[in-house]
Amino acid sequence: MDKDKIIALLNEDTEGEHGAIIQYLTHAYAVGEGEMACEIEAIAREEMRHLDWLAETIVELGGVPSLVRGKMRISGQSVADWMGNNVLLEEDAVNLYREHIEAVDDPKIKRLLKRILSDEEAHHGKFQHFVGKAEKEGAKDLRGSRHDRVTQILDWGIEHEYTVILQYLFHSYMTPNREAKKEFEDQAINEMQHLGWLAEEMVGMSGNPSIEHTDVDQSTKTANMLETDIKIEKEVAAEYDRAVKEVADPDLKGLLIRLRDHEIYHAEVLSDLLKEEE
């Protein structure tokens, strides 16, 4: 099998991991704190690791990782229904990985896909367990229908954080600059924390987080990446600062201040890297 075909298969897998991550995080946030939510988030983190391995392999082959979000199964009236959909999503993944393992002849890539497959098979079993657990414990959807200026601010923040997670990951995969790569990876992890904080805050105030993103910069030159990222960090820091002045709740105000300060820090660190790159 030639490289282009392998890259296409791996990008199909990458898109599937992306969809699984968002589906599982949506479920984890919706059920709130507790053992099951923590376990679902842990599975989502494993899917993030898979996406990372696949993207790095695609770049090694001379390809470009896809940022498309793959199929999600988000219907269902109960938490048990959601867990059943997660079982089905894992079955889709297991079948696809088995198909790709059979098709790929490169031993290193075949080994990687087998490694990921073992996780997906384990996830399948866990979600089967969660179906019964959700029914037995009466797990409920804690999201509400609140929609006001505060939830608009939180949804805007979630949209931004999701966007820059993808952007920093893409930049980390594509830059040849080792120092910039590490910084992009660190920033992406920090932005993942931000998304979680905002989504949990939204559910806690009876809102319903919409986990969507806007256009992602896909620059391939490090200087262009840094310039774009610095610009967005400065803009978002200013937006968070404006939001701080709009909200009255002291806890939410404190969270927004923390996010603002993190974004200012990101902009400053990236500015230093840009000076070195120039």
Protein backbone atom coordinates (compact mmCIF):
# COMPACT_ATOMS: atom_id res chain seq x y z
CA MET A 1 0.00 0.00 0.00
CA ASP A 2 1.47 3.40 -0.96
CA LYS A 3 1.91 6.26 1.48
CA ASP A 4 -1.04 8.30 0.23
CA LYS A 5 -3.43 5.42 0.87
CA ILE A 6 -1.98 4.82 4.33
CA ILE A 7 -2.31 8.53 5.15
CA ALA A 8 -5.95 8.44 4.03
CA LEU A 9 -6.66 5.45 6.28
CA LEU A 10 -4.93 7.06 9.25
CA ASN A 11 -6.83 10.31 8.71
CA GLU A 12 -10.08 8.33 8.72
CA ASP A 13 -9.01 6.94 12.10
CA THR A 14 -8.01 10.42 13.31
CA GLU A 15 -11.46 11.79 12.44
CA GLY A 16 -13.07 8.92 14.32
CA GLU A 17 -11.01 9.66 17.42
CA HIS A 18 -11.94 13.34 17.20
CA GLY A 19 -15.65 12.50 17.12
CA ALA A 20 -15.32 10.07 20.03
CA ILE A 21 -13.51 12.65 22.16
CA ILE A 22 -16.29 15.21 21.79
CA GLN A 23 -19.07 12.65 22.23
CA TYR A 24 -17.57 11.31 25.44
CA LEU A 25 -16.75 14.72 26.88
CA THR A 26 -20.31 15.85 26.18
CA HIS A 27 -21.61 12.88 28.16
CA ALA A 28 -19.14 13.34 31.00
CA TYR A 29 -20.02 17.01 31.46
CA ALA A 30 -23.76 16.27 31.27
CA VAL A 31 -23.76 13.74 34.13
CA GLY A 32 -21.74 16.02 36.41
CA GLU A 33 -19.30 14.92 39.08
CA GLY A 34 -19.00 11.30 40.11
CA GLU A 35 -17.22 8.05 39.34
CA MET A 36 -18.82 7.45 35.96
CA ALA A 37 -18.09 10.98 34.71
CA CYS A 38 -14.45 10.61 35.75
CA GLU A 39 -14.15 7.26 33.98
CA ILE A 40 -15.71 8.64 30.80
CA GLU A 41 -13.30 11.59 30.86
CA ALA A 42 -10.42 9.12 31.29
CA ILE A 43 -11.58 7.27 28.16
CA ALA A 44 -11.75 10.60 26.29
CA ARG A 45 -8.13 11.28 27.31
CA GLU A 46 -7.11 7.91 25.90
CA GLU A 47 -8.82 8.82 22.63
CA MET A 48 -6.84 12.09 22.66
CA ARG A 49 -3.66 10.05 22.98
CA HIS A 50 -4.72 7.93 20.01
CA LEU A 51 -5.38 11.05 17.93
CA ASP A 52 -1.94 12.35 18.83
CA TRP A 53 -0.19 9.12 17.83
CA LEU A 54 -2.08 8.97 14.55
CA ALA A 55 -1.43 12.61 13.67
CA GLU A 56 2.28 12.29 14.39
CA THR A 57 2.45 9.19 12.19
CA ILE A 58 0.66 11.00 9.37
CA VAL A 59 3.21 13.83 9.51
CA GLU A 60 6.10 11.32 9.53
CA LEU A 61 4.66 9.92 6.30
CA GLY A 62 4.59 13.39 4.75
CA GLY A 63 0.86 13.96 5.19
CA VAL A 64 -1.32 16.55 6.91
CA PRO A 65 -3.54 15.49 9.83
CA SER A 66 -7.26 16.01 9.29
CA LEU A 67 -9.12 18.30 11.69
CA VAL A 68 -12.52 17.01 10.57
CA ARG A 69 -14.68 15.64 13.38
CA GLY A 70 -15.89 12.15 12.57
CA LYS A 71 -19.26 10.55 13.14
CA MET A 72 -20.92 11.00 16.51
CA ARG A 73 -23.89 9.15 18.01
CA ILE A 74 -25.55 11.76 20.19
CA SER A 75 -29.22 10.74 20.25
CA GLY A 76 -30.95 9.14 23.24
CA GLN A 77 -33.37 10.12 25.99
CA SER A 78 -31.44 8.80 28.99
CA VAL A 79 -27.88 8.37 30.23
CA ALA A 80 -28.24 4.62 29.64
CA ASP A 81 -29.15 5.42 26.02
CA TRP A 82 -26.00 7.54 25.70
CA MET A 83 -23.85 4.74 27.06
CA GLY A 84 -25.46 2.41 24.54
CA ASN A 85 -24.50 4.85 21.79
CA ASN A 86 -20.95 4.86 23.12
CA VAL A 87 -20.94 1.07 22.87
CA LEU A 88 -22.00 1.38 19.23
CA LEU A 89 -19.35 4.03 18.52
CA GLU A 90 -16.69 1.74 19.96
CA GLU A 91 -17.97 -1.12 17.82
CA ASP A 92 -17.57 1.13 14.78
CA ALA A 93 -14.00 1.93 15.87
CA VAL A 94 -13.09 -1.70 16.55
CA ASN A 95 -14.35 -2.79 13.15
CA LEU A 96 -12.54 0.04 11.36
CA TYR A 97 -9.23 -0.59 13.12
CA ARG A 98 -9.43 -4.30 12.35
CA GLU A 99 -10.06 -3.45 8.70
CA HIS A 100 -7.12 -1.04 8.59
CA ILE A 101 -4.79 -3.47 10.37
CA GLU A 102 -5.57 -6.02 7.68
CA ALA A 103 -5.07 -3.49 4.87
CA VAL A 104 -1.80 -1.88 6.01
CA ASP A 105 1.43 -3.73 5.31
CA ASP A 106 3.84 -1.42 7.16
CA PRO A 107 4.78 -3.35 10.36
CA LYS A 108 5.29 -0.22 12.48
CA ILE A 109 1.91 1.23 11.58
CA LYS A 110 0.21 -2.15 11.92
CA ARG A 111 1.67 -2.39 15.44
CA LEU A 112 0.35 1.08 16.34
CA LEU A 113 -3.14 0.26 15.09
CA LYS A 114 -3.16 -2.98 17.08
CA ARG A 115 -2.18 -1.00 20.18
CA ILE A 116 -5.07 1.41 19.68
CA LEU A 117 -7.45 -1.46 18.93
CA SER A 118 -6.73 -3.01 22.33
CA ASP A 119 -7.86 0.24 23.99
CA GLU A 120 -11.02 0.43 21.90
CA GLU A 121 -11.95 -3.12 22.85
CA ALA A 122 -11.49 -2.19 26.51
CA HIS A 123 -13.58 0.95 26.06
CA HIS A 124 -16.34 -1.15 24.50
CA GLY A 125 -16.49 -3.30 27.61
CA LYS A 126 -16.51 -0.31 29.94
CA PHE A 127 -19.38 1.36 28.14
CA GLN A 128 -21.36 -1.88 28.22
CA HIS A 129 -20.87 -1.81 31.99
CA PHE A 130 -21.94 1.84 32.14
CA VAL A 131 -25.28 1.03 30.46
CA GLY A 132 -26.28 -1.08 33.45
CA LYS A 133 -24.61 1.26 35.92
CA ALA A 134 -26.56 4.25 34.60
CA GLU A 135 -29.84 2.33 34.86
CA LYS A 136 -29.10 1.00 38.34
CA GLU A 137 -27.96 4.33 39.78
CA GLY A 138 -30.55 6.42 37.99
CA ALA A 139 -27.95 8.69 36.40
CA LYS A 140 -29.50 11.86 35.05
CA ASP A 141 -28.78 14.55 32.50
CA LEU A 142 -27.92 17.59 34.65
CA ARG A 143 -28.03 20.07 31.78
CA GLY A 144 -30.79 22.64 31.70
CA SER A 145 -32.26 25.17 29.33
CA ARG A 146 -30.90 28.36 30.83
CA HIS A 147 -30.08 30.86 28.11
CA ASP A 148 -28.99 34.37 29.03
CA ARG A 149 -25.98 36.64 28.70
CA VAL A 150 -23.95 34.54 31.16
CA THR A 151 -24.49 31.31 29.24
CA GLN A 152 -23.69 33.16 26.00
CA ILE A 153 -20.34 34.19 27.50
CA LEU A 154 -19.62 30.62 28.58
CA ASP A 155 -20.56 29.19 25.17
CA TRP A 156 -18.34 31.77 23.47
CA GLY A 157 -15.48 30.69 25.74
CA ILE A 158 -16.06 27.00 25.01
CA GLU A 159 -16.10 27.68 21.26
CA HIS A 160 -12.83 29.58 21.52
CA GLU A 161 -11.12 26.95 23.65
CA TYR A 162 -12.16 24.12 21.34
CA THR A 163 -10.86 26.07 18.35
CA VAL A 164 -7.45 26.78 19.83
CA ILE A 165 -7.07 23.23 21.11
CA LEU A 166 -7.29 22.05 17.50
CA GLN A 167 -5.12 24.93 16.30
CA TYR A 168 -2.32 24.33 18.78
CA LEU A 169 -2.39 20.60 18.16
CA PHE A 170 -2.17 21.14 14.41
CA HIS A 171 0.69 23.61 14.82
CA SER A 172 2.50 21.22 17.15
CA TYR A 173 2.29 18.47 14.52
CA MET A 174 3.43 20.66 11.63
CA THR A 175 6.22 22.83 13.08
CA PRO A 176 9.84 21.64 12.72
CA ASN A 177 10.82 23.88 15.67
CA ARG A 178 11.18 21.59 18.71
CA GLU A 179 10.76 24.37 21.25
CA ALA A 180 7.65 25.70 19.54
CA LYS A 181 6.27 22.16 19.24
CA LYS A 182 6.55 21.61 22.99
CA GLU A 183 4.97 24.98 23.73
CA PHE A 184 2.06 24.34 21.36
CA GLU A 185 1.48 20.96 23.04
CA ASP A 186 1.53 22.55 26.50
CA GLN A 187 -0.84 25.30 25.41
CA ALA A 188 -3.26 22.76 23.92
CA ILE A 189 -3.36 20.87 27.23
CA ASN A 190 -4.02 24.09 29.12
CA GLU A 191 -6.82 25.03 26.71
CA MET A 192 -8.37 21.57 27.25
CA GLN A 193 -8.51 22.38 30.95
CA HIS A 194 -10.19 25.67 30.13
CA LEU A 195 -12.85 23.97 28.02
CA GLY A 196 -13.61 21.57 30.84
CA TRP A 197 -13.88 24.33 33.44
CA LEU A 198 -16.26 26.34 31.27
CA ALA A 199 -18.44 23.36 30.33
CA GLU A 200 -18.72 22.23 33.95
CA GLU A 201 -19.59 25.77 34.99
CA MET A 202 -22.28 25.87 32.32
CA VAL A 203 -23.88 22.60 33.46
CA GLY A 204 -23.64 23.73 37.10
CA MET A 205 -25.80 26.75 36.32
CA SER A 206 -28.39 24.70 34.39
CA GLY A 207 -27.05 25.56 30.96
CA ASN A 208 -26.28 23.27 28.04
CA PRO A 209 -22.75 23.66 26.63
CA SER A 210 -22.48 23.65 22.86
CA ILE A 211 -19.10 22.13 22.02
CA GLU A 212 -18.41 23.52 18.57
CA HIS A 213 -15.45 25.35 17.04
CA THR A 214 -14.78 28.06 14.49
CA ASP A 215 -12.22 28.12 11.67
CA VAL A 216 -8.83 26.72 12.64
CA ASP A 217 -5.61 28.28 11.32
CA GLN A 218 -3.63 25.64 9.44
CA SER A 219 -0.41 27.54 8.76
CA THR A 220 2.61 25.38 8.04
CA LYS A 221 5.33 27.98 8.65
CA THR A 222 6.25 28.40 12.31
CA ALA A 223 6.43 32.21 12.19
CA ASN A 224 2.95 32.38 10.68
CA MET A 225 1.64 29.98 13.33
CA LEU A 226 3.06 32.09 16.12
CA GLU A 227 1.77 35.36 14.68
CA THR A 228 -1.74 33.94 14.35
CA ASP A 229 -1.71 32.42 17.83
CA ILE A 230 -0.41 35.58 19.48
CA LYS A 231 -3.14 37.60 17.79
CA ILE A 232 -5.93 35.30 18.93
CA GLU A 233 -4.59 35.07 22.48
CA LYS A 234 -4.51 38.85 22.81
CA GLU A 235 -8.01 39.20 21.39
CA VAL A 236 -9.41 36.53 23.69
CA ALA A 237 -7.70 37.94 26.77
CA ALA A 238 -9.44 41.22 26.04
CA GLU A 239 -12.79 39.45 25.59
CA TYR A 240 -12.42 37.59 28.88
CA ASP A 241 -11.55 40.91 30.54
CA ARG A 242 -14.74 42.46 29.19
CA ALA A 243 -16.73 39.43 30.35
CA VAL A 244 -15.35 39.80 33.89
CA LYS A 245 -17.01 43.21 34.07
CA GLU A 246 -20.36 41.80 32.93
CA VAL A 247 -20.84 38.95 35.42
CA ALA A 248 -21.82 39.31 39.05
CA ASP A 249 -21.18 35.81 40.42
CA PRO A 250 -17.83 35.96 42.28
CA ASP A 251 -16.83 32.38 41.44
CA LEU A 252 -17.49 32.85 37.74
CA LYS A 253 -15.73 36.20 37.82
CA GLY A 254 -12.72 34.49 39.39
CA LEU A 255 -12.72 31.80 36.69
CA LEU A 256 -12.83 34.37 33.90
CA ILE A 257 -9.99 36.33 35.47
CA ARG A 258 -7.93 33.14 35.64
CA LEU A 259 -8.63 32.37 31.99
CA ARG A 260 -7.75 35.94 30.99
CA ASP A 261 -4.44 35.73 32.83
CA HIS A 262 -3.61 32.37 31.23
CA GLU A 263 -4.25 33.82 27.76
CA ILE A 264 -2.02 36.81 28.50
CA TYR A 265 0.71 34.41 29.59
CA HIS A 266 0.29 32.34 26.42
CA ALA A 267 0.64 35.45 24.25
CA GLU A 268 3.81 36.52 26.04
CA VAL A 269 5.45 33.08 25.79
CA LEU A 270 4.56 32.78 22.10
CA SER A 271 5.90 36.32 21.49
CA ASP A 272 9.26 35.24 22.89
CA LEU A 273 9.30 32.25 20.54
CA LEU A 274 8.45 34.49 17.58
CA LYS A 275 11.44 36.73 18.36
CA GLU A 276 13.69 33.67 18.34
CA GLU A 277 12.16 32.42 15.11
CA GLU A 278 12.77 35.75 13.39
